[in-house]
Every structure is written in structure tokens, then in C-alpha cells.
Amino acid sequence: MAIVKNKKNTNAPDIRRERRNILNEKTPFSIVEEYKLLRTNIMFSLAKEGCKTVAFTSANMSEGKSISAVNTSITFAEMNQKVLLMDCDLRLPKINKLLAHAGTPGISNVIVNMSAEETVIHHVKTQNSSFDVIFAGDVPPNPSELLGSERFAKMLSILSEHYDYIFIDLPPINVVTDAAVIGKNLDGIVVVTRVGKTDKKELDAALDQLNFANANVIGILLNGVEHERGSYTKGYKYGYSYGYGSRRSSSQNTSQNNQ
């Protein structure tokens, strides 16, 4: 099996712009508060003991799933939860670029026994919190097979013993099947969409694939929402309904985000 070395990033200006959306001391108060609401809603949607595993996916590319995974990790870490963020978009990894870190070795290297779990865990500090990250690693020729393997399942099980929450960045489900492959083994999945980007039919197709795979879709996050200037909810809005005691909630949950 061959593993391809990650190529040099050729979209540096785009990444620098996207890094500005990572929660920091300059983030508007309303956006910070709405991410805290998102945190609360995820917590109530996953009322179980032990580690909770939550993935972020989208219908298509460029809808904000990676930055959503990073910011969610930050908000949970600020509550003194032990958090791990995993970049499982093995084809086009982005978390390492957002966090300005080398992306290898990582998940792919662990799965093929080239690296041990403890050697690929990185500690990231933000203004008010810190959390651990495992980057994607070198690009493999068979990402879906690796993520669906017993080796990955064992890796996730071992890591779950050490964290309160594990957040996972997955590829867009309408592009590749990775999210459906491992979705049923996770506690919840948030589907990220973007205004002017996500078509309703595309979103329906993504949800159908996840439901067919028996994945627990706990919410839909909407990016790119414009609010009136001066509005308290400027930038981010998150609405949730809950479904305790069952694998599915009675309705799809919806959130909004202007990032």
C-alpha cells in the first residue's frame, strides 16, 4: 500500500482568511454566545455516560464543516471538558492548515501501523482553552476502507477512554461515502450547510445517505446567514429540538452561522 505525502498548500490566502473565523478575543460577542448555545444543544442531544463522538460533515465542499468542528472543540474545551479533534477528511485535510501545523504523521499513519496513537496527538492552546488534535496524516489511496477498518474502530475506542468529547471532521457525504461508512459507529453527526451554496435536493440526498447508513443526525448547521446590523443574533443562530431516549430525534435540528 502506498501513502502519498501531502502536497504544499497552494491556497494560503484562503486559509488565512478562514483562520479569522476561529473563535478568538476579537470574535463578536453574539457569535461566541451562539456557539455556546450550540454546545449546550449538543450536550442535551447526547445524554449518555462516557465519551461522546460527534462528526461534522456537509453535502458538498466549502460549506464550513472544518471551521465548525474547530470552533465547537474550542467551546467545549472552555467548559473544562477534555476534547479531542480528529481530521478524518483523509483526502483533503484542512484542520492542520487552519491551526497552522504540520499534518503528518496522523490518522492514516496510525491505521496502517506506521505510527502509534500517542505519537500523533498534538496539544493546541487557544486564548481561554486547550484541546488535543490528531491530524489526517499522509494521504492514503483508500480512505473509505481505512475509516471503515477494524483498526480505526479500535483506535477510536482506545481514544474514547481518555476524552469527554471527540469531534471528527469528515468529508462531504455527497462527494465520497466516508461519513456514511463510519457514521453508524458515532454518537451523532452535524450536517453543515451554507446559504447560496447548498441546494435543498443536495441536502436531502446527504440526509438520505446518512439515514440509510443508520447514522444519528443530531442537527443541521447553516452558515453564511446575513443578519441586520445591530441585531443581537448577528452572525450565528442555533435552533434545536431534542429526542431523548431514542437513536433519532423526531425532527431535523437547524442552526445558522454567518461565518
Foldseek 3Di string as FASTA:
>chain_A
DDFAADDDDPPLVVLVVLLVLADAPPPDPLQLVQLLVVLVLVCQQQVDDFEAEEEEAALAPDQCRLSNLRNNQVSVQLVVFAEEEEELALADWDNCSSLVHDQPDFDVCQLVPNDPPVVQWDWDDGDRGIYIYTHNHTRDPDSLCSLLDPSVVVVVVVVRVPGRYYYYYYYNCNVDPNCLSCQQVGLEYEYGGEPPGDDPVSRVVSVVSNVVSVGEHQAYEYEQDADDPPDSNGFWFFFGDHDPPDSYRPDHGYIYGHD
